[in-house]
Structure formats: C-alpha cells, structure tokens
Amino acid sequence: MSGPLVTLSGSPGSPYTRKMLAVLRYRRIGYRFLQSASPAAAALPQPRVRLLPTFYLPNAEGVLEAVTDSTPLIRRLEGEHRGRSLIPADPALAFIDELVEDYADEWLTKAMFHYRWNYDADIAQAAEILPCWSGLTIPDEVLAQRGETFSRRQIDRLGVVGSNPATGGLIEESYRRFLTAFEAHLKVLPQVLGARPGAGDFALFGQLSQLAQFDPTPMRLTLDVAPRVFAWTSLMEDASGLEPGEADWIDLSAPPPTLGPLLAEMGRVYVPVMLANARAVAEGLSQVETEIDGQAWRQAPFPYQAKCLGWLRQSWAALPPESRATAADVLEDAGFTQLLS
C-alpha cells in the first residue's frame, strides 16, 4: 500500500459499509475507518443525504467532500488505484458483473431489511447491538432508548423497501432460492464470474454479512440451506491474500452450468420490480404494482432505483455490438431482456 490513506466512516451493521471495507482490503488500498457516530466523522464534511458508508474524497477543485454511493465509488477507486481490478476487461462480462452488483444492492437488500425488522428475535438483537457500535461505554439506559428509537424508525420504513404482509413471503422465498442457486454455483467456482471477485461479489457479500452472519433468522436459514455461502461470506471479509490473474475470469462462450440458474433467480424477482418501479416513478404513481410468480407485489415507489435502471441501460447501450450479443446470449434465458430494452 502506498500514498495517502482513504478515509471513510460507517458501521458494521451496514451492508454497504462492509461491502466497501472488503473492497479496500482486497484491492490493498490503505484506509482509515471511522465509526459513523465518532467525533472525528462529525468534524468532516457531511453528505446531503446521510448514508453509510461515507467516503471523504477531494472533488475536482481539491476540496474534501462526502461521497456515499458504493457503485460509483468502486469505479472511482478503479481509476485512482491500479491493480487487482474488480471490473473484468471483457465488456460483456463487466456488464453481467454490474447487473449482479445492482441485484445485490437493490433487491437482496430487501431481504436484509425484511428479516432484520420483521421478526422479534432479529429486532431485539439489532436494537441491542447496533447502538453499541456508536459507543461501548454509553450507559445501558441510553443504549436501550437509542435501540428503541432506531428500531421504531426502521420498522416504519419496511414499506419503503417493499416489505409488507403481501410481499414478505415472496422476499423470503426469493432469498431461499438465491441461497440454493449460489450454493450450487460455489461447488463449481469460488466467485460468481470465476476464480476472482468482481464488484458483484462484494455487493453480495455486503448483504450476506448481515443475512448470513448477523441477523438470527436468515443466519439460521443460511446455515441450513447453504453452508458454503456462509463460509464464502467469512472468506470475503478479507480477500487481500488472493493473487488474481486475467485468466481467472470465466469465458462467456462456455459459461459454467450453474451460472444460468443463479442469474435466472435474479431475473425472476429483480426484473419485474425494477420495471414496475421505474414505470411508477415516471408516471408519478403513488404505488408500485406488479406480479412475481403470480403473486401481487406492491410497495411505495423508490426514485433512486429508477435511476439505477437508467444507469444500467446506459451501460448496456454503450457496449460494443459484439459484446452486447455475447451478454444477451447469457442474459436472455435469465429474463433480463425486457429490463435492458
């Protein structure tokens, strides 16, 4: 590691914090990590919208600013730090990696939020532990009050991420199917797109750092259904010892047989919700409505996810024609065609 340290703040209970810390470790980028509630973090520039993690990076004028979106942060780090890239050189493969990252960030997070704030045991653990990460020496009564306040606020936000009595079963069924498909894939390859991790792997890891290894209800399910996924999550925390090579990416002309089912599970749930959300945002509707497996899905519109879909379509349009054709061969059977048109 060389050069100045990258400074960021966050919390162990944030899947995006864990995602980005793992990225920094894997890429061997020196960093300084601040707890989000620390005085040191409070003294730094604050983002317009408080999200975790927050990076403190110079803008074009050299002025330090707060930056929070993990996906563009990964691309910025790619430009500023050489070696151990997360982005495949093959444009078609890079696009599939981008899709996997967005699935994890925008769909799998629904499962994380649902399980944490829907079950009594998970709520109780989160309410007890999360405030401790803001300060271990805080008096018990203050921690309890903070846990109650934070829990109530998060429970009230369940509808924003799409968890409600009508959708809860769909979210849980989707998580179980994802575990089954990823478990099968890990019998063949150690990462989604080969023997080295892409941005999509770290996005999956971020959500699984909570689902598989913190919140009790999905952790128990993960151990029962997918022990390899549990073990993979532990290994991804610090992958700085991997020595990746360009030959470690898969060849899309002969993809492993387990990749298609994994992508198909992603397309099965993520595609219809992203399309319906974008339509609701564009038309100014108050409700997102669609169907998954013949069951109704309803939630409040989420403008940021409409932006995510727009960025994915821009990336798709920017692909060279031959790369787009190669990616389409892999993605068509997984149900992604409509998302990208």
Protein backbone atom coordinates (compact mmCIF):
# COMPACT_ATOMS: atom_id res chain seq x y z
CA MET A 1 0.00 0.00 0.00
CA SER A 2 1.26 3.47 -0.82
CA GLY A 3 0.01 7.05 -0.91
CA PRO A 4 -2.41 8.78 1.43
CA LEU A 5 -5.00 6.77 3.30
CA VAL A 6 -8.58 6.78 2.06
CA THR A 7 -10.86 7.97 4.87
CA LEU A 8 -14.37 6.61 5.31
CA SER A 9 -16.95 6.28 8.06
CA GLY A 10 -19.63 3.67 8.57
CA SER A 11 -20.93 0.92 10.80
CA PRO A 12 -20.54 -2.89 10.96
CA GLY A 13 -24.34 -3.17 10.73
CA SER A 14 -24.39 -1.51 7.30
CA PRO A 15 -24.09 -3.97 4.37
CA TYR A 16 -22.69 -1.23 2.16
CA THR A 17 -20.02 -0.36 4.74
CA ARG A 18 -18.97 -3.99 4.84
CA LYS A 19 -19.03 -4.12 1.03
CA MET A 20 -16.65 -1.19 0.70
CA LEU A 21 -14.31 -2.21 3.52
CA ALA A 22 -13.93 -5.61 1.85
CA VAL A 23 -13.25 -3.88 -1.49
CA LEU A 24 -10.49 -1.77 0.07
CA ARG A 25 -8.89 -4.81 1.71
CA TYR A 26 -8.99 -6.90 -1.46
CA ARG A 27 -7.57 -4.11 -3.58
CA ARG A 28 -4.92 -3.38 -0.92
CA ILE A 29 -5.89 0.29 -0.74
CA GLY A 30 -4.79 1.84 2.55
CA TYR A 31 -7.68 3.31 4.52
CA ARG A 32 -8.69 4.94 7.79
CA PHE A 33 -12.05 3.78 9.10
CA LEU A 34 -14.11 5.95 11.44
CA GLN A 35 -17.23 4.86 13.28
CA SER A 36 -20.09 6.89 11.82
CA ALA A 37 -21.04 8.40 15.20
CA SER A 38 -17.49 9.34 16.17
CA PRO A 39 -16.40 12.98 16.75
CA ALA A 40 -13.79 12.54 14.00
CA ALA A 41 -16.52 11.70 11.46
CA ALA A 42 -18.70 14.57 12.70
CA ALA A 43 -15.85 17.02 12.05
CA LEU A 44 -15.61 16.04 8.37
CA PRO A 45 -17.88 17.26 5.52
CA GLN A 46 -21.41 15.86 5.76
CA PRO A 47 -23.31 14.36 2.80
CA ARG A 48 -26.59 15.86 1.58
CA VAL A 49 -28.27 12.55 2.41
CA ARG A 50 -26.81 10.63 5.34
CA LEU A 51 -25.92 7.16 4.07
CA LEU A 52 -23.33 4.58 5.10
CA PRO A 53 -20.55 4.29 4.26
CA THR A 54 -19.38 7.86 3.67
CA PHE A 55 -16.05 8.44 1.93
CA TYR A 56 -14.21 11.75 2.26
CA LEU A 57 -12.54 12.47 -1.07
CA PRO A 58 -11.32 15.58 -2.91
CA ASN A 59 -13.52 16.99 -5.68
CA ALA A 60 -12.27 18.48 -8.97
CA GLU A 61 -11.19 21.63 -7.10
CA GLY A 62 -9.32 19.63 -4.49
CA VAL A 63 -11.88 20.36 -1.77
CA LEU A 64 -12.77 17.45 0.50
CA GLU A 65 -16.36 16.29 0.11
CA ALA A 66 -18.56 13.48 1.41
CA VAL A 67 -19.35 10.74 -1.15
CA THR A 68 -21.78 7.92 -0.36
CA ASP A 69 -22.85 5.78 -3.35
CA SER A 70 -20.90 2.49 -3.34
CA THR A 71 -21.25 1.64 -7.05
CA PRO A 72 -19.68 4.83 -8.46
CA LEU A 73 -17.18 4.76 -5.58
CA ILE A 74 -15.91 1.40 -6.81
CA ARG A 75 -15.48 2.86 -10.32
CA ARG A 76 -13.72 5.92 -8.95
CA LEU A 77 -11.28 3.74 -6.99
CA GLU A 78 -10.65 1.75 -10.18
CA GLY A 79 -9.45 4.96 -11.83
CA GLU A 80 -7.34 6.14 -8.91
CA HIS A 81 -5.70 2.87 -7.83
CA ARG A 82 -4.11 0.41 -10.23
CA GLY A 83 -4.09 -3.37 -9.99
CA ARG A 84 -6.39 -6.04 -8.58
CA SER A 85 -9.32 -4.66 -10.55
CA LEU A 86 -12.91 -5.62 -9.75
CA ILE A 87 -14.07 -4.88 -13.31
CA PRO A 88 -13.50 -7.61 -15.92
CA ALA A 89 -11.64 -6.49 -19.04
CA ASP A 90 -14.25 -8.24 -21.21
CA PRO A 91 -17.08 -5.67 -21.62
CA ALA A 92 -19.80 -8.35 -21.74
CA LEU A 93 -18.54 -9.91 -18.52
CA ALA A 94 -18.20 -6.47 -16.92
CA PHE A 95 -21.83 -5.75 -17.70
CA ILE A 96 -23.03 -9.01 -16.14
CA ASP A 97 -20.95 -8.16 -13.07
CA GLU A 98 -22.68 -4.76 -12.96
CA LEU A 99 -26.08 -6.48 -13.07
CA VAL A 100 -25.13 -8.79 -10.20
CA GLU A 101 -23.97 -5.80 -8.17
CA ASP A 102 -27.23 -3.97 -8.75
CA TYR A 103 -29.28 -7.06 -7.87
CA ALA A 104 -27.47 -7.31 -4.54
CA ASP A 105 -27.63 -3.60 -3.78
CA GLU A 106 -31.24 -3.08 -4.82
CA TRP A 107 -33.01 -6.44 -4.38
CA LEU A 108 -31.11 -8.60 -1.89
CA THR A 109 -31.12 -5.65 0.48
CA LYS A 110 -34.90 -6.08 0.67
CA ALA A 111 -34.32 -9.47 2.29
CA MET A 112 -31.79 -7.99 4.69
CA PHE A 113 -34.13 -5.22 5.78
CA HIS A 114 -37.16 -7.54 5.90
CA TYR A 115 -35.58 -10.15 8.14
CA ARG A 116 -33.94 -7.63 10.50
CA TRP A 117 -37.08 -5.62 11.16
CA ASN A 118 -39.84 -8.20 10.76
CA TYR A 119 -39.01 -10.88 13.35
CA ASP A 120 -38.96 -10.35 17.11
CA ALA A 121 -35.62 -12.08 17.70
CA ASP A 122 -33.95 -10.11 14.92
CA ILE A 123 -35.44 -6.81 16.07
CA ALA A 124 -34.30 -7.46 19.63
CA GLN A 125 -30.74 -8.31 18.60
CA ALA A 126 -30.45 -5.32 16.27
CA ALA A 127 -31.87 -2.97 18.91
CA GLU A 128 -29.33 -4.25 21.43
CA ILE A 129 -26.20 -4.43 19.29
CA LEU A 130 -26.46 -1.64 16.70
CA PRO A 131 -26.44 1.21 19.26
CA CYS A 132 -23.35 -0.32 20.91
CA TRP A 133 -21.42 0.30 17.71
CA SER A 134 -21.92 4.01 18.34
CA GLY A 135 -20.14 3.80 21.70
CA LEU A 136 -19.46 0.88 24.00
CA THR A 137 -19.32 2.98 27.18
CA ILE A 138 -22.75 4.58 26.71
CA PRO A 139 -24.95 3.86 29.78
CA ASP A 140 -27.40 0.96 29.49
CA GLU A 141 -30.49 3.14 29.71
CA VAL A 142 -29.26 5.39 26.90
CA LEU A 143 -28.42 2.39 24.71
CA ALA A 144 -31.87 0.94 25.35
CA GLN A 145 -33.56 4.21 24.43
CA ARG A 146 -31.50 4.54 21.26
CA GLY A 147 -32.26 0.94 20.32
CA GLU A 148 -35.98 1.51 20.74
CA THR A 149 -35.95 4.76 18.77
CA PHE A 150 -33.86 3.35 15.94
CA SER A 151 -35.89 0.14 15.74
CA ARG A 152 -39.17 2.00 15.53
CA ARG A 153 -37.83 4.23 12.75
CA GLN A 154 -36.57 1.24 10.74
CA ILE A 155 -39.73 -0.80 11.25
CA ASP A 156 -41.74 2.16 9.99
CA ARG A 157 -39.57 2.13 6.83
CA LEU A 158 -40.28 -1.50 5.93
CA GLY A 159 -42.82 -0.39 3.34
CA VAL A 160 -40.25 1.83 1.64
CA VAL A 161 -38.02 -1.12 0.78
CA GLY A 162 -41.00 -3.26 -0.19
CA SER A 163 -41.53 -5.48 2.86
CA ASN A 164 -45.18 -5.76 3.85
CA PRO A 165 -47.69 -8.56 4.61
CA ALA A 166 -48.30 -9.09 0.87
CA THR A 167 -44.63 -9.25 -0.14
CA GLY A 168 -42.90 -10.79 2.88
CA GLY A 169 -43.40 -14.35 1.69
CA LEU A 170 -42.08 -13.52 -1.78
CA ILE A 171 -38.95 -11.96 -0.29
CA GLU A 172 -38.27 -14.99 1.89
CA GLU A 173 -38.92 -17.48 -0.92
CA SER A 174 -36.56 -15.49 -3.14
CA TYR A 175 -33.79 -15.50 -0.52
CA ARG A 176 -34.07 -19.27 -0.06
CA ARG A 177 -33.90 -19.83 -3.84
CA PHE A 178 -30.91 -17.49 -4.11
CA LEU A 179 -29.11 -19.43 -1.38
CA THR A 180 -29.80 -22.72 -3.18
CA ALA A 181 -28.56 -21.39 -6.54
CA PHE A 182 -25.47 -19.73 -5.07
CA GLU A 183 -24.63 -22.82 -3.00
CA ALA A 184 -24.71 -24.90 -6.20
CA HIS A 185 -22.54 -22.36 -8.01
CA LEU A 186 -19.92 -22.35 -5.24
CA LYS A 187 -19.46 -26.08 -5.79
CA VAL A 188 -18.07 -25.15 -9.23
CA LEU A 189 -16.42 -21.74 -8.80
CA PRO A 190 -15.25 -19.72 -5.79
CA GLN A 191 -16.75 -16.46 -7.13
CA VAL A 192 -19.69 -15.53 -9.33
CA LEU A 193 -17.68 -14.95 -12.52
CA GLY A 194 -14.61 -17.07 -11.97
CA ALA A 195 -11.77 -17.54 -9.52
CA ARG A 196 -11.50 -13.83 -8.68
CA PRO A 197 -14.15 -11.47 -7.28
CA GLY A 198 -15.90 -8.71 -9.18
CA ALA A 199 -17.90 -5.79 -7.85
CA GLY A 200 -20.94 -8.06 -7.84
CA ASP A 201 -19.29 -10.46 -5.42
CA PHE A 202 -18.59 -7.68 -2.95
CA ALA A 203 -22.15 -6.40 -3.25
CA LEU A 204 -23.47 -9.89 -2.47
CA PHE A 205 -21.01 -10.14 0.41
CA GLY A 206 -22.23 -6.86 1.89
CA GLN A 207 -25.80 -8.08 2.16
CA LEU A 208 -24.75 -11.57 3.29
CA SER A 209 -22.54 -10.10 6.01
CA GLN A 210 -25.86 -9.31 7.69
CA LEU A 211 -28.20 -12.01 6.33
CA ALA A 212 -25.83 -14.94 6.74
CA GLN A 213 -23.80 -13.87 9.75
CA PHE A 214 -25.64 -11.37 11.95
CA ASP A 215 -29.44 -11.46 11.90
CA PRO A 216 -30.54 -14.70 13.61
CA THR A 217 -33.48 -15.76 11.41
CA PRO A 218 -31.75 -15.59 7.99
CA MET A 219 -28.46 -16.80 9.52
CA ARG A 220 -30.16 -19.99 10.68
CA LEU A 221 -31.71 -20.43 7.22
CA THR A 222 -28.34 -19.85 5.53
CA LEU A 223 -26.63 -22.46 7.69
CA ASP A 224 -29.38 -24.97 6.96
CA VAL A 225 -29.62 -24.40 3.21
CA ALA A 226 -26.21 -23.11 2.13
CA PRO A 227 -23.18 -23.80 4.36
CA ARG A 228 -20.82 -22.91 1.50
CA VAL A 229 -22.47 -19.48 1.24
CA PHE A 230 -21.91 -18.98 4.96
CA ALA A 231 -18.25 -19.96 4.59
CA TRP A 232 -17.82 -17.81 1.45
CA THR A 233 -19.13 -14.80 3.35
CA SER A 234 -16.45 -15.27 6.01
CA LEU A 235 -13.72 -15.57 3.37
CA MET A 236 -14.84 -12.45 1.52
CA GLU A 237 -14.41 -10.25 4.60
CA ASP A 238 -10.68 -10.08 3.82
CA ALA A 239 -9.61 -11.38 0.42
CA SER A 240 -6.34 -9.42 0.41
CA GLY A 241 -4.38 -12.67 0.15
CA LEU A 242 -5.82 -13.63 -3.24
CA GLU A 243 -3.46 -13.21 -6.20
CA PRO A 244 -5.82 -12.71 -9.18
CA GLY A 245 -4.93 -13.13 -12.82
CA GLU A 246 -6.80 -12.24 -16.01
CA ALA A 247 -7.28 -15.94 -16.75
CA ASP A 248 -9.34 -16.23 -13.55
CA TRP A 249 -12.45 -14.75 -15.19
CA ILE A 250 -14.82 -17.19 -16.88
CA ASP A 251 -15.18 -17.40 -20.66
CA LEU A 252 -18.74 -16.42 -21.59
CA SER A 253 -18.59 -18.60 -24.66
CA ALA A 254 -18.60 -21.59 -22.30
CA PRO A 255 -20.14 -20.42 -19.00
CA PRO A 256 -20.38 -22.84 -16.08
CA PRO A 257 -23.74 -24.66 -15.91
CA THR A 258 -24.56 -23.13 -12.53
CA LEU A 259 -24.32 -19.50 -13.70
CA GLY A 260 -27.57 -19.59 -15.69
CA PRO A 261 -29.75 -20.74 -12.76
CA LEU A 262 -28.16 -18.15 -10.47
CA LEU A 263 -28.83 -15.35 -12.94
CA ALA A 264 -32.32 -16.71 -13.60
CA GLU A 265 -33.19 -16.39 -9.92
CA MET A 266 -32.01 -12.78 -10.01
CA GLY A 267 -34.06 -12.02 -13.10
CA ARG A 268 -37.13 -13.75 -11.70
CA VAL A 269 -37.64 -11.20 -8.92
CA TYR A 270 -35.44 -8.20 -9.56
CA VAL A 271 -36.53 -7.53 -13.14
CA PRO A 272 -40.31 -7.17 -12.65
CA VAL A 273 -39.91 -4.99 -9.55
CA MET A 274 -37.32 -2.70 -11.17
CA LEU A 275 -39.52 -2.28 -14.26
CA ALA A 276 -42.68 -1.59 -12.26
CA ASN A 277 -40.84 0.85 -10.01
CA ALA A 278 -39.42 2.77 -12.97
CA ARG A 279 -42.89 2.95 -14.52
CA ALA A 280 -44.43 4.22 -11.28
CA VAL A 281 -41.74 6.88 -10.86
CA ALA A 282 -42.04 8.01 -14.49
CA GLU A 283 -45.84 8.28 -14.27
CA GLY A 284 -45.93 9.83 -10.82
CA LEU A 285 -47.89 6.94 -9.33
CA SER A 286 -48.25 6.50 -5.59
CA GLN A 287 -47.88 2.72 -5.72
CA VAL A 288 -45.63 0.20 -7.46
CA GLU A 289 -47.70 -2.77 -8.59
CA THR A 290 -46.58 -5.92 -10.42
CA GLU A 291 -46.65 -9.70 -10.13
CA ILE A 292 -43.95 -12.20 -9.19
CA ASP A 293 -44.77 -15.87 -9.66
CA GLY A 294 -48.42 -14.95 -9.97
CA GLN A 295 -48.46 -13.13 -6.64
CA ALA A 296 -49.08 -9.42 -6.20
CA TRP A 297 -46.18 -7.12 -5.36
CA ARG A 298 -46.95 -3.66 -4.01
CA GLN A 299 -44.68 -1.05 -2.49
CA ALA A 300 -44.03 2.68 -2.46
CA PRO A 301 -42.04 4.00 -5.47
CA PHE A 302 -38.29 4.33 -4.96
CA PRO A 303 -36.83 7.04 -7.26
CA TYR A 304 -33.21 6.00 -6.68
CA GLN A 305 -33.87 2.54 -8.10
CA ALA A 306 -35.34 4.13 -11.22
CA LYS A 307 -32.01 5.94 -11.60
CA CYS A 308 -30.18 2.63 -11.18
CA LEU A 309 -32.17 1.14 -14.02
CA GLY A 310 -31.35 4.14 -16.20
CA TRP A 311 -27.62 3.70 -15.49
CA LEU A 312 -27.79 0.01 -16.34
CA ARG A 313 -29.48 0.78 -19.65
CA GLN A 314 -26.79 3.35 -20.43
CA SER A 315 -24.10 0.74 -19.77
CA TRP A 316 -25.96 -1.73 -21.99
CA ALA A 317 -26.27 0.78 -24.82
CA ALA A 318 -22.55 1.62 -24.55
CA LEU A 319 -21.45 -1.98 -25.08
CA PRO A 320 -19.79 -2.79 -28.42
CA PRO A 321 -22.30 -4.72 -30.58
CA GLU A 322 -20.37 -7.99 -30.33
CA SER A 323 -20.15 -7.71 -26.55
CA ARG A 324 -23.86 -6.92 -26.30
CA ALA A 325 -24.64 -10.03 -28.35
CA THR A 326 -22.42 -12.18 -26.14
CA ALA A 327 -24.04 -10.86 -22.95
CA ALA A 328 -27.52 -11.22 -24.46
CA ASP A 329 -26.90 -14.93 -25.09
CA VAL A 330 -26.31 -15.40 -21.36
CA LEU A 331 -28.96 -12.99 -20.06
CA GLU A 332 -31.91 -13.80 -22.32
CA ASP A 333 -32.77 -17.09 -20.64
CA ALA A 334 -32.44 -15.37 -17.24
CA GLY A 335 -35.21 -12.92 -18.12
CA PHE A 336 -33.18 -9.73 -18.36
CA THR A 337 -34.06 -8.79 -21.95
CA GLN A 338 -37.05 -6.61 -21.06
CA LEU A 339 -35.08 -4.81 -18.37
CA LEU A 340 -32.49 -3.64 -20.87
CA SER A 341 -34.67 -2.71 -23.82
